[in-house]
Amino acid sequence: MKQGIIITNTEAVPGKKVVEILGVVQGSTVRSKHLGRDIAAGFKSIVGGELKGYTEMLAQAREEAYNRMVNGAIEKGADAVINMRFMTSSVTPQAAELLAYGTAVKLG
């Protein structure tokens, strides 16, 4: 039975040797702000504290981008993704992209 794919933010997998580099894999999602969250965030900024609506939205976006990256690695036949990273960028003032990327590899 094959074990699941290994995802690491390091350059290597301890005890394993990279025998083939399959290429960069990535997954992304673009999320927009929600009027209800903006209103709640505006009130919260007055008193301070965590903006839970945005925290939840970003957590969901990270998970979706991560899963898309993993699926790309599986499609390439990878055993692992090394040097995995997350990155965010503003697409518009109301929307942001969350990107997960790394290098898909075969291990020996």
PDB file of N, CA and C in Angstrom:
ATOM      1  N   MET A   1       0.846  -1.185   0.000  1.00  0.00           N
ATOM      2  CA  MET A   1       0.000   0.000   0.000  1.00  0.00           C
ATOM      3  C   MET A   1       0.884   1.239   0.000  1.00  0.00           C
ATOM      4  N   LYS A   2       0.620   2.173  -0.887  1.00  0.00           N
ATOM      5  CA  LYS A   2       1.409   3.395  -0.988  1.00  0.00           C
ATOM      6  C   LYS A   2       0.990   4.380   0.096  1.00  0.00           C
ATOM      7  N   GLN A   3       1.995   4.967   0.757  1.00  0.00           N
ATOM      8  CA  GLN A   3       1.718   5.985   1.761  1.00  0.00           C
ATOM      9  C   GLN A   3       1.391   7.288   1.068  1.00  0.00           C
ATOM     10  N   GLY A   4       0.860   8.242   1.834  1.00  0.00           N
ATOM     11  CA  GLY A   4       0.510   9.545   1.285  1.00  0.00           C
ATOM     12  C   GLY A   4       1.746  10.326   0.870  1.00  0.00           C
ATOM     13  N   ILE A   5       1.506  11.354   0.116  1.00  0.00           N
ATOM     14  CA  ILE A   5       2.574  12.218  -0.361  1.00  0.00           C
ATOM     15  C   ILE A   5       3.148  13.021   0.814  1.00  0.00           C
ATOM     16  N   ILE A   6       4.447  13.244   0.795  1.00  0.00           N
ATOM     17  CA  ILE A   6       5.131  14.001   1.835  1.00  0.00           C
ATOM     18  C   ILE A   6       5.218  15.456   1.384  1.00  0.00           C
ATOM     19  N   ILE A   7       4.855  16.364   2.266  1.00  0.00           N
ATOM     20  CA  ILE A   7       4.959  17.796   1.985  1.00  0.00           C
ATOM     21  C   ILE A   7       5.877  18.393   3.046  1.00  0.00           C
ATOM     22  N   THR A   8       6.919  19.106   2.602  1.00  0.00           N
ATOM     23  CA  THR A   8       7.847  19.710   3.548  1.00  0.00           C
ATOM     24  C   THR A   8       8.318  21.070   3.055  1.00  0.00           C
ATOM     25  N   ASN A   9       8.629  21.940   3.995  1.00  0.00           N
ATOM     26  CA  ASN A   9       9.162  23.247   3.603  1.00  0.00           C
ATOM     27  C   ASN A   9      10.689  23.258   3.622  1.00  0.00           C
ATOM     28  N   THR A  10      11.284  22.082   3.743  1.00  0.00           N
ATOM     29  CA  THR A  10      12.740  21.952   3.710  1.00  0.00           C
ATOM     30  C   THR A  10      13.199  21.508   2.326  1.00  0.00           C
ATOM     31  N   GLU A  11      14.517  21.534   2.102  1.00  0.00           N
ATOM     32  CA  GLU A  11      15.065  21.145   0.796  1.00  0.00           C
ATOM     33  C   GLU A  11      15.192  19.640   0.614  1.00  0.00           C
ATOM     34  N   ALA A  12      14.991  18.886   1.675  1.00  0.00           N
ATOM     35  CA  ALA A  12      15.157  17.441   1.612  1.00  0.00           C
ATOM     36  C   ALA A  12      14.178  16.767   2.556  1.00  0.00           C
ATOM     37  N   VAL A  13      14.017  15.463   2.369  1.00  0.00           N
ATOM     38  CA  VAL A  13      13.211  14.641   3.260  1.00  0.00           C
ATOM     39  C   VAL A  13      14.193  13.749   4.024  1.00  0.00           C
ATOM     40  N   PRO A  14      14.263  13.889   5.342  1.00  0.00           N
ATOM     41  CA  PRO A  14      15.227  13.100   6.120  1.00  0.00           C
ATOM     42  C   PRO A  14      15.113  11.603   5.822  1.00  0.00           C
ATOM     43  N   GLY A  15      16.265  10.998   5.563  1.00  0.00           N
ATOM     44  CA  GLY A  15      16.315   9.567   5.294  1.00  0.00           C
ATOM     45  C   GLY A  15      15.944   9.176   3.876  1.00  0.00           C
ATOM     46  N   LYS A  16      15.635  10.145   3.038  1.00  0.00           N
ATOM     47  CA  LYS A  16      15.254   9.873   1.646  1.00  0.00           C
ATOM     48  C   LYS A  16      16.159  10.657   0.707  1.00  0.00           C
ATOM     49  N   LYS A  17      16.302  10.148  -0.506  1.00  0.00           N
ATOM     50  CA  LYS A  17      17.105  10.818  -1.515  1.00  0.00           C
ATOM     51  C   LYS A  17      16.200  11.234  -2.673  1.00  0.00           C
ATOM     52  N   VAL A  18      16.359  12.476  -3.121  1.00  0.00           N
ATOM     53  CA  VAL A  18      15.618  12.935  -4.296  1.00  0.00           C
ATOM     54  C   VAL A  18      16.272  12.307  -5.516  1.00  0.00           C
ATOM     55  N   VAL A  19      15.503  11.511  -6.257  1.00  0.00           N
ATOM     56  CA  VAL A  19      16.046  10.834  -7.429  1.00  0.00           C
ATOM     57  C   VAL A  19      15.560  11.469  -8.737  1.00  0.00           C
ATOM     58  N   GLU A  20      14.499  12.275  -8.648  1.00  0.00           N
ATOM     59  CA  GLU A  20      14.009  12.946  -9.848  1.00  0.00           C
ATOM     60  C   GLU A  20      13.214  14.187  -9.449  1.00  0.00           C
ATOM     61  N   ILE A  21      13.491  15.271 -10.138  1.00  0.00           N
ATOM     62  CA  ILE A  21      12.716  16.499  -9.942  1.00  0.00           C
ATOM     63  C   ILE A  21      11.666  16.542 -11.036  1.00  0.00           C
ATOM     64  N   LEU A  22      10.408  16.620 -10.621  1.00  0.00           N
ATOM     65  CA  LEU A  22       9.296  16.593 -11.566  1.00  0.00           C
ATOM     66  C   LEU A  22       8.824  17.991 -11.958  1.00  0.00           C
ATOM     67  N   GLY A  23       9.261  18.989 -11.221  1.00  0.00           N
ATOM     68  CA  GLY A  23       8.908  20.365 -11.553  1.00  0.00           C
ATOM     69  C   GLY A  23       8.120  21.058 -10.458  1.00  0.00           C
ATOM     70  N   VAL A  24       7.894  22.324 -10.689  1.00  0.00           N
ATOM     71  CA  VAL A  24       7.143  23.138  -9.737  1.00  0.00           C
ATOM     72  C   VAL A  24       5.670  22.770  -9.821  1.00  0.00           C
ATOM     73  N   VAL A  25       5.043  22.678  -8.657  1.00  0.00           N
ATOM     74  CA  VAL A  25       3.600  22.484  -8.583  1.00  0.00           C
ATOM     75  C   VAL A  25       3.029  23.640  -7.780  1.00  0.00           C
ATOM     76  N   GLN A  26       1.828  24.016  -8.122  1.00  0.00           N
ATOM     77  CA  GLN A  26       1.212  25.140  -7.423  1.00  0.00           C
ATOM     78  C   GLN A  26      -0.291  24.983  -7.389  1.00  0.00           C
ATOM     79  N   GLY A  27      -0.874  25.642  -6.432  1.00  0.00           N
ATOM     80  CA  GLY A  27      -2.325  25.722  -6.324  1.00  0.00           C
ATOM     81  C   GLY A  27      -2.659  27.108  -5.818  1.00  0.00           C
ATOM     82  N   SER A  28      -3.723  27.679  -6.331  1.00  0.00           N
ATOM     83  CA  SER A  28      -4.078  29.018  -5.873  1.00  0.00           C
ATOM     84  C   SER A  28      -5.584  29.175  -5.810  1.00  0.00           C
ATOM     85  N   THR A  29      -5.984  30.192  -5.092  1.00  0.00           N
ATOM     86  CA  THR A  29      -7.381  30.589  -5.027  1.00  0.00           C
ATOM     87  C   THR A  29      -7.418  32.090  -4.801  1.00  0.00           C
ATOM     88  N   VAL A  30      -8.428  32.726  -5.351  1.00  0.00           N
ATOM     89  CA  VAL A  30      -8.616  34.158  -5.161  1.00  0.00           C
ATOM     90  C   VAL A  30      -9.903  34.333  -4.361  1.00  0.00           C
ATOM     91  N   ARG A  31      -9.796  35.075  -3.289  1.00  0.00           N
ATOM     92  CA  ARG A  31     -10.954  35.308  -2.423  1.00  0.00           C
ATOM     93  C   ARG A  31     -11.235  36.795  -2.334  1.00  0.00           C
ATOM     94  N   SER A  32     -12.519  37.131  -2.294  1.00  0.00           N
ATOM     95  CA  SER A  32     -12.897  38.531  -2.176  1.00  0.00           C
ATOM     96  C   SER A  32     -13.450  38.804  -0.787  1.00  0.00           C
ATOM     97  N   LYS A  33     -13.397  40.065  -0.430  1.00  0.00           N
ATOM     98  CA  LYS A  33     -13.958  40.490   0.845  1.00  0.00           C
ATOM     99  C   LYS A  33     -15.470  40.351   0.800  1.00  0.00           C
ATOM    100  N   HIS A  34     -16.057  40.261   1.962  1.00  0.00           N
ATOM    101  CA  HIS A  34     -17.486  40.119   2.114  1.00  0.00           C
ATOM    102  C   HIS A  34     -17.997  41.327   2.894  1.00  0.00           C
ATOM    103  N   LEU A  35     -19.046  41.960   2.418  1.00  0.00           N
ATOM    104  CA  LEU A  35     -19.556  43.176   3.046  1.00  0.00           C
ATOM    105  C   LEU A  35     -19.825  42.971   4.539  1.00  0.00           C
ATOM    106  N   GLY A  36     -20.430  41.859   4.903  1.00  0.00           N
ATOM    107  CA  GLY A  36     -20.703  41.581   6.318  1.00  0.00           C
ATOM    108  C   GLY A  36     -19.422  41.508   7.135  1.00  0.00           C
ATOM    109  N   ARG A  37     -18.394  40.872   6.561  1.00  0.00           N
ATOM    110  CA  ARG A  37     -17.098  40.794   7.259  1.00  0.00           C
ATOM    111  C   ARG A  37     -16.461  42.167   7.379  1.00  0.00           C
ATOM    112  N   ASP A  38     -16.611  42.992   6.328  1.00  0.00           N
ATOM    113  CA  ASP A  38     -16.046  44.342   6.367  1.00  0.00           C
ATOM    114  C   ASP A  38     -16.683  45.183   7.464  1.00  0.00           C
ATOM    115  N   ILE A  39     -17.999  45.073   7.608  1.00  0.00           N
ATOM    116  CA  ILE A  39     -18.693  45.833   8.647  1.00  0.00           C
ATOM    117  C   ILE A  39     -18.227  45.362  10.027  1.00  0.00           C
ATOM    118  N   ALA A  40     -18.170  44.037  10.215  1.00  0.00           N
ATOM    119  CA  ALA A  40     -17.715  43.496  11.499  1.00  0.00           C
ATOM    120  C   ALA A  40     -16.267  43.889  11.765  1.00  0.00           C
ATOM    121  N   ALA A  41     -15.431  43.879  10.731  1.00  0.00           N
ATOM    122  CA  ALA A  41     -14.021  44.262  10.893  1.00  0.00           C
ATOM    123  C   ALA A  41     -13.908  45.725  11.266  1.00  0.00           C
ATOM    124  N   GLY A  42     -14.781  46.564  10.696  1.00  0.00           N
ATOM    125  CA  GLY A  42     -14.780  47.985  11.036  1.00  0.00           C
ATOM    126  C   GLY A  42     -15.094  48.207  12.503  1.00  0.00           C
ATOM    127  N   PHE A  43     -16.088  47.484  13.013  1.00  0.00           N
ATOM    128  CA  PHE A  43     -16.415  47.603  14.440  1.00  0.00           C
ATOM    129  C   PHE A  43     -15.274  47.074  15.302  1.00  0.00           C
ATOM    130  N   LYS A  44     -14.694  45.967  14.881  1.00  0.00           N
ATOM    131  CA  LYS A  44     -13.617  45.350  15.656  1.00  0.00           C
ATOM    132  C   LYS A  44     -12.396  46.256  15.704  1.00  0.00           C
ATOM    133  N   SER A  45     -12.144  47.006  14.639  1.00  0.00           N
ATOM    134  CA  SER A  45     -10.978  47.881  14.615  1.00  0.00           C
ATOM    135  C   SER A  45     -11.094  48.992  15.652  1.00  0.00           C
ATOM    136  N   ILE A  46     -12.311  49.309  16.043  1.00  0.00           N
ATOM    137  CA  ILE A  46     -12.519  50.331  17.072  1.00  0.00           C
ATOM    138  C   ILE A  46     -12.057  49.823  18.433  1.00  0.00           C
ATOM    139  N   VAL A  47     -12.385  48.577  18.747  1.00  0.00           N
ATOM    140  CA  VAL A  47     -12.047  48.021  20.068  1.00  0.00           C
ATOM    141  C   VAL A  47     -10.810  47.133  20.037  1.00  0.00           C
ATOM    142  N   GLY A  48     -10.371  46.727  18.868  1.00  0.00           N
ATOM    143  CA  GLY A  48      -9.194  45.859  18.740  1.00  0.00           C
ATOM    144  C   GLY A  48      -9.561  44.394  18.860  1.00  0.00           C
ATOM    145  N   GLY A  49      -8.646  43.538  18.437  1.00  0.00           N
ATOM    146  CA  GLY A  49      -8.849  42.101  18.532  1.00  0.00           C
ATOM    147  C   GLY A  49      -8.772  41.413  17.188  1.00  0.00           C
ATOM    148  N   GLU A  50      -8.916  40.118  17.234  1.00  0.00           N
ATOM    149  CA  GLU A  50      -8.820  39.292  16.028  1.00  0.00           C
ATOM    150  C   GLU A  50     -10.039  39.486  15.136  1.00  0.00           C
ATOM    151  N   LEU A  51      -9.797  39.522  13.842  1.00  0.00           N
ATOM    152  CA  LEU A  51     -10.867  39.595  12.857  1.00  0.00           C
ATOM    153  C   LEU A  51     -11.180  38.162  12.423  1.00  0.00           C
ATOM    154  N   LYS A  52     -12.022  37.495  13.200  1.00  0.00           N
ATOM    155  CA  LYS A  52     -12.250  36.057  13.022  1.00  0.00           C
ATOM    156  C   LYS A  52     -12.805  35.693  11.656  1.00  0.00           C
ATOM    157  N   GLY A  53     -13.657  36.550  11.094  1.00  0.00           N
ATOM    158  CA  GLY A  53     -14.204  36.273   9.760  1.00  0.00           C
ATOM    159  C   GLY A  53     -13.104  36.183   8.722  1.00  0.00           C
ATOM    160  N   TYR A  54     -12.141  37.104   8.796  1.00  0.00           N
ATOM    161  CA  TYR A  54     -11.024  37.078   7.849  1.00  0.00           C
ATOM    162  C   TYR A  54     -10.063  35.929   8.158  1.00  0.00           C
ATOM    163  N   THR A  55      -9.878  35.629   9.433  1.00  0.00           N
ATOM    164  CA  THR A  55      -9.022  34.502   9.804  1.00  0.00           C
ATOM    165  C   THR A  55      -9.573  33.208   9.210  1.00  0.00           C
ATOM    166  N   GLU A  56     -10.871  33.010   9.342  1.00  0.00           N
ATOM    167  CA  GLU A  56     -11.512  31.805   8.790  1.00  0.00           C
ATOM    168  C   GLU A  56     -11.415  31.780   7.267  1.00  0.00           C
ATOM    169  N   MET A  57     -11.645  32.936   6.630  1.00  0.00           N
ATOM    170  CA  MET A  57     -11.583  33.002   5.174  1.00  0.00           C
ATOM    171  C   MET A  57     -10.181  32.648   4.670  1.00  0.00           C
ATOM    172  N   LEU A  58      -9.155  33.184   5.334  1.00  0.00           N
ATOM    173  CA  LEU A  58      -7.778  32.899   4.909  1.00  0.00           C
ATOM    174  C   LEU A  58      -7.398  31.453   5.189  1.00  0.00           C
ATOM    175  N   ALA A  59      -7.873  30.886   6.284  1.00  0.00           N
ATOM    176  CA  ALA A  59      -7.596  29.475   6.582  1.00  0.00           C
ATOM    177  C   ALA A  59      -8.201  28.575   5.501  1.00  0.00           C
ATOM    178  N   GLN A  60      -9.426  28.890   5.082  1.00  0.00           N
ATOM    179  CA  GLN A  60     -10.063  28.118   4.015  1.00  0.00           C
ATOM    180  C   GLN A  60      -9.316  28.286   2.698  1.00  0.00           C
ATOM    181  N   ALA A  61      -8.861  29.498   2.422  1.00  0.00           N
ATOM    182  CA  ALA A  61      -8.121  29.754   1.188  1.00  0.00           C
ATOM    183  C   ALA A  61      -6.794  29.002   1.189  1.00  0.00           C
ATOM    184  N   ARG A  62      -6.087  29.003   2.330  1.00  0.00           N
ATOM    185  CA  ARG A  62      -4.827  28.254   2.423  1.00  0.00           C
ATOM    186  C   ARG A  62      -5.059  26.769   2.177  1.00  0.00           C
ATOM    187  N   GLU A  63      -6.114  26.222   2.790  1.00  0.00           N
ATOM    188  CA  GLU A  63      -6.412  24.799   2.624  1.00  0.00           C
ATOM    189  C   GLU A  63      -6.729  24.466   1.168  1.00  0.00           C
ATOM    190  N   GLU A  64      -7.505  25.321   0.524  1.00  0.00           N
ATOM    191  CA  GLU A  64      -7.853  25.062  -0.879  1.00  0.00           C
ATOM    192  C   GLU A  64      -6.623  25.155  -1.778  1.00  0.00           C
ATOM    193  N   ALA A  65      -5.797  26.173  -1.600  1.00  0.00           N
ATOM    194  CA  ALA A  65      -4.578  26.317  -2.402  1.00  0.00           C
ATOM    195  C   ALA A  65      -3.648  25.132  -2.161  1.00  0.00           C
ATOM    196  N   TYR A  66      -3.497  24.736  -0.901  1.00  0.00           N
ATOM    197  CA  TYR A  66      -2.646  23.591  -0.529  1.00  0.00           C
ATOM    198  C   TYR A  66      -3.139  22.316  -1.216  1.00  0.00           C
ATOM    199  N   ASN A  67      -4.441  22.058  -1.130  1.00  0.00           N
ATOM    200  CA  ASN A  67      -5.002  20.846  -1.740  1.00  0.00           C
ATOM    201  C   ASN A  67      -4.820  20.844  -3.258  1.00  0.00           C
ATOM    202  N   ARG A  68      -4.951  21.995  -3.885  1.00  0.00           N
ATOM    203  CA  ARG A  68      -4.740  22.068  -5.337  1.00  0.00           C
ATOM    204  C   ARG A  68      -3.281  21.786  -5.691  1.00  0.00           C
ATOM    205  N   MET A  69      -2.359  22.277  -4.867  1.00  0.00           N
ATOM    206  CA  MET A  69      -0.938  22.003  -5.091  1.00  0.00           C
ATOM    207  C   MET A  69      -0.664  20.497  -4.943  1.00  0.00           C
ATOM    208  N   VAL A  70      -1.187  19.896  -3.881  1.00  0.00           N
ATOM    209  CA  VAL A  70      -0.989  18.466  -3.647  1.00  0.00           C
ATOM    210  C   VAL A  70      -1.563  17.654  -4.804  1.00  0.00           C
ATOM    211  N   ASN A  71      -2.744  18.011  -5.277  1.00  0.00           N
ATOM    212  CA  ASN A  71      -3.342  17.292  -6.408  1.00  0.00           C
ATOM    213  C   ASN A  71      -2.475  17.407  -7.652  1.00  0.00           C
ATOM    214  N   GLY A  72      -1.868  18.569  -7.870  1.00  0.00           N
ATOM    215  CA  GLY A  72      -0.950  18.733  -8.995  1.00  0.00           C
ATOM    216  C   GLY A  72       0.264  17.823  -8.874  1.00  0.00           C
ATOM    217  N   ALA A  73       0.771  17.682  -7.643  1.00  0.00           N
ATOM    218  CA  ALA A  73       1.923  16.803  -7.408  1.00  0.00           C
ATOM    219  C   ALA A  73       1.542  15.341  -7.640  1.00  0.00           C
ATOM    220  N   ILE A  74       0.376  14.958  -7.179  1.00  0.00           N
ATOM    221  CA  ILE A  74      -0.092  13.578  -7.375  1.00  0.00           C
ATOM    222  C   ILE A  74      -0.251  13.286  -8.863  1.00  0.00           C
ATOM    223  N   GLU A  75      -0.785  14.251  -9.624  1.00  0.00           N
ATOM    224  CA  GLU A  75      -0.943  14.073 -11.074  1.00  0.00           C
ATOM    225  C   GLU A  75       0.406  13.869 -11.763  1.00  0.00           C
ATOM    226  N   LYS A  76       1.460  14.456 -11.230  1.00  0.00           N
ATOM    227  CA  LYS A  76       2.806  14.294 -11.792  1.00  0.00           C
ATOM    228  C   LYS A  76       3.464  12.994 -11.327  1.00  0.00           C
ATOM    229  N   GLY A  77       2.836  12.288 -10.388  1.00  0.00           N
ATOM    230  CA  GLY A  77       3.407  11.049  -9.868  1.00  0.00           C
ATOM    231  C   GLY A  77       4.443  11.273  -8.777  1.00  0.00           C
ATOM    232  N   ALA A  78       4.370  12.401  -8.087  1.00  0.00           N
ATOM    233  CA  ALA A  78       5.362  12.746  -7.066  1.00  0.00           C
ATOM    234  C   ALA A  78       5.186  11.928  -5.795  1.00  0.00           C
ATOM    235  N   ASP A  79       6.316  11.708  -5.137  1.00  0.00           N
ATOM    236  CA  ASP A  79       6.314  11.111  -3.797  1.00  0.00           C
ATOM    237  C   ASP A  79       6.302  12.196  -2.728  1.00  0.00           C
ATOM    238  N   ALA A  80       6.783  13.391  -3.103  1.00  0.00           N
ATOM    239  CA  ALA A  80       6.902  14.483  -2.137  1.00  0.00           C
ATOM    240  C   ALA A  80       6.890  15.832  -2.844  1.00  0.00           C
ATOM    241  N   VAL A  81       6.599  16.862  -2.052  1.00  0.00           N
ATOM    242  CA  VAL A  81       6.772  18.242  -2.478  1.00  0.00           C
ATOM    243  C   VAL A  81       7.733  18.863  -1.475  1.00  0.00           C
ATOM    244  N   ILE A  82       8.873  19.351  -1.989  1.00  0.00           N
ATOM    245  CA  ILE A  82       9.860  19.981  -1.116  1.00  0.00           C
ATOM    246  C   ILE A  82       9.839  21.497  -1.330  1.00  0.00           C
ATOM    247  N   ASN A  83      10.404  22.216  -0.376  1.00  0.00           N
ATOM    248  CA  ASN A  83      10.445  23.685  -0.428  1.00  0.00           C
ATOM    249  C   ASN A  83       9.061  24.299  -0.588  1.00  0.00           C
ATOM    250  N   MET A  84       8.057  23.701   0.061  1.00  0.00           N
ATOM    251  CA  MET A  84       6.690  24.199  -0.043  1.00  0.00           C
ATOM    252  C   MET A  84       6.573  25.555   0.654  1.00  0.00           C
ATOM    253  N   ARG A  85       5.871  26.482   0.014  1.00  0.00           N
ATOM    254  CA  ARG A  85       5.669  27.829   0.550  1.00  0.00           C
ATOM    255  C   ARG A  85       4.248  28.306   0.269  1.00  0.00           C
ATOM    256  N   PHE A  86       3.814  29.289   1.064  1.00  0.00           N
ATOM    257  CA  PHE A  86       2.575  30.017   0.809  1.00  0.00           C
ATOM    258  C   PHE A  86       2.947  31.444   0.458  1.00  0.00           C
ATOM    259  N   MET A  87       2.143  32.069  -0.391  1.00  0.00           N
ATOM    260  CA  MET A  87       2.348  33.464  -0.743  1.00  0.00           C
ATOM    261  C   MET A  87       0.973  34.089  -0.965  1.00  0.00           C
ATOM    262  N   THR A  88       0.847  35.335  -0.582  1.00  0.00           N
ATOM    263  CA  THR A  88      -0.392  36.054  -0.857  1.00  0.00           C
ATOM    264  C   THR A  88      -0.074  37.293  -1.675  1.00  0.00           C
ATOM    265  N   SER A  89      -1.051  37.708  -2.466  1.00  0.00           N
ATOM    266  CA  SER A  89      -0.898  38.953  -3.212  1.00  0.00           C
ATOM    267  C   SER A  89      -2.272  39.571  -3.412  1.00  0.00           C
ATOM    268  N   SER A  90      -2.289  40.874  -3.504  1.00  0.00           N
ATOM    269  CA  SER A  90      -3.526  41.607  -3.728  1.00  0.00           C
ATOM    270  C   SER A  90      -3.837  41.600  -5.215  1.00  0.00           C
ATOM    271  N   VAL A  91      -5.031  41.173  -5.562  1.00  0.00           N
ATOM    272  CA  VAL A  91      -5.464  41.157  -6.952  1.00  0.00           C
ATOM    273  C   VAL A  91      -6.209  42.452  -7.265  1.00  0.00           C
ATOM    274  N   THR A  92      -7.087  42.835  -6.370  1.00  0.00           N
ATOM    275  CA  THR A  92      -7.800  44.104  -6.415  1.00  0.00           C
ATOM    276  C   THR A  92      -7.900  44.586  -4.972  1.00  0.00           C
ATOM    277  N   PRO A  93      -8.375  45.807  -4.739  1.00  0.00           N
ATOM    278  CA  PRO A  93      -8.543  46.241  -3.350  1.00  0.00           C
ATOM    279  C   PRO A  93      -9.525  45.361  -2.559  1.00  0.00           C
ATOM    280  N   GLN A  94     -10.375  44.635  -3.262  1.00  0.00           N
ATOM    281  CA  GLN A  94     -11.359  43.774  -2.596  1.00  0.00           C
ATOM    282  C   GLN A  94     -11.037  42.290  -2.666  1.00  0.00           C
ATOM    283  N   ALA A  95      -9.932  41.905  -3.290  1.00  0.00           N
ATOM    284  CA  ALA A  95      -9.651  40.476  -3.454  1.00  0.00           C
ATOM    285  C   ALA A  95      -8.155  40.188  -3.333  1.00  0.00           C
ATOM    286  N   ALA A  96      -7.864  38.998  -2.825  1.00  0.00           N
ATOM    287  CA  ALA A  96      -6.473  38.570  -2.672  1.00  0.00           C
ATOM    288  C   ALA A  96      -6.322  37.139  -3.166  1.00  0.00           C
ATOM    289  N   GLU A  97      -5.138  36.846  -3.702  1.00  0.00           N
ATOM    290  CA  GLU A  97      -4.800  35.492  -4.127  1.00  0.00           C
ATOM    291  C   GLU A  97      -3.945  34.855  -3.051  1.00  0.00           C
ATOM    292  N   LEU A  98      -4.218  33.597  -2.774  1.00  0.00           N
ATOM    293  CA  LEU A  98      -3.371  32.818  -1.905  1.00  0.00           C
ATOM    294  C   LEU A  98      -2.795  31.683  -2.755  1.00  0.00           C
ATOM    295  N   LEU A  99      -1.468  31.573  -2.767  1.00  0.00           N
ATOM    296  CA  LEU A  99      -0.764  30.614  -3.609  1.00  0.00           C
ATOM    297  C   LEU A  99       0.045  29.670  -2.736  1.00  0.00           C
ATOM    298  N   ALA A 100      -0.046  28.382  -3.016  1.00  0.00           N
ATOM    299  CA  ALA A 100       0.792  27.364  -2.389  1.00  0.00           C
ATOM    300  C   ALA A 100       1.643  26.776  -3.499  1.00  0.00           C
ATOM    301  N   TYR A 101       2.971  26.662  -3.269  1.00  0.00           N
ATOM    302  CA  TYR A 101       3.832  26.133  -4.320  1.00  0.00           C
ATOM    303  C   TYR A 101       5.029  25.399  -3.722  1.00  0.00           C
ATOM    304  N   GLY A 102       5.619  24.549  -4.531  1.00  0.00           N
ATOM    305  CA  GLY A 102       6.797  23.799  -4.132  1.00  0.00           C
ATOM    306  C   GLY A 102       7.318  22.991  -5.305  1.00  0.00           C
ATOM    307  N   THR A 103       8.306  22.165  -5.036  1.00  0.00           N
ATOM    308  CA  THR A 103       8.918  21.334  -6.076  1.00  0.00           C
ATOM    309  C   THR A 103       8.484  19.886  -5.887  1.00  0.00           C
ATOM    310  N   ALA A 104       7.850  19.328  -6.891  1.00  0.00           N
ATOM    311  CA  ALA A 104       7.426  17.922  -6.860  1.00  0.00           C
ATOM    312  C   ALA A 104       8.642  17.051  -7.183  1.00  0.00           C
ATOM    313  N   VAL A 105       8.841  16.000  -6.393  1.00  0.00           N
ATOM    314  CA  VAL A 105       9.985  15.117  -6.580  1.00  0.00           C
ATOM    315  C   VAL A 105       9.610  13.660  -6.399  1.00  0.00           C
ATOM    316  N   LYS A 106      10.451  12.798  -6.965  1.00  0.00           N
ATOM    317  CA  LYS A 106      10.411  11.350  -6.710  1.00  0.00           C
ATOM    318  C   LYS A 106      11.517  11.060  -5.708  1.00  0.00           C
ATOM    319  N   LEU A 107      11.224  10.201  -4.762  1.00  0.00           N
ATOM    320  CA  LEU A 107      12.196   9.839  -3.736  1.00  0.00           C
ATOM    321  C   LEU A 107      12.681   8.407  -3.939  1.00  0.00           C
ATOM    322  N   GLY A 108      13.922   8.174  -3.512  1.00  0.00           N
ATOM    323  CA  GLY A 108      14.470   6.825  -3.603  1.00  0.00           C
ATOM    324  C   GLY A 108      14.830   6.290  -2.237  1.00  0.00           C
TER     325      GLY A 108
END
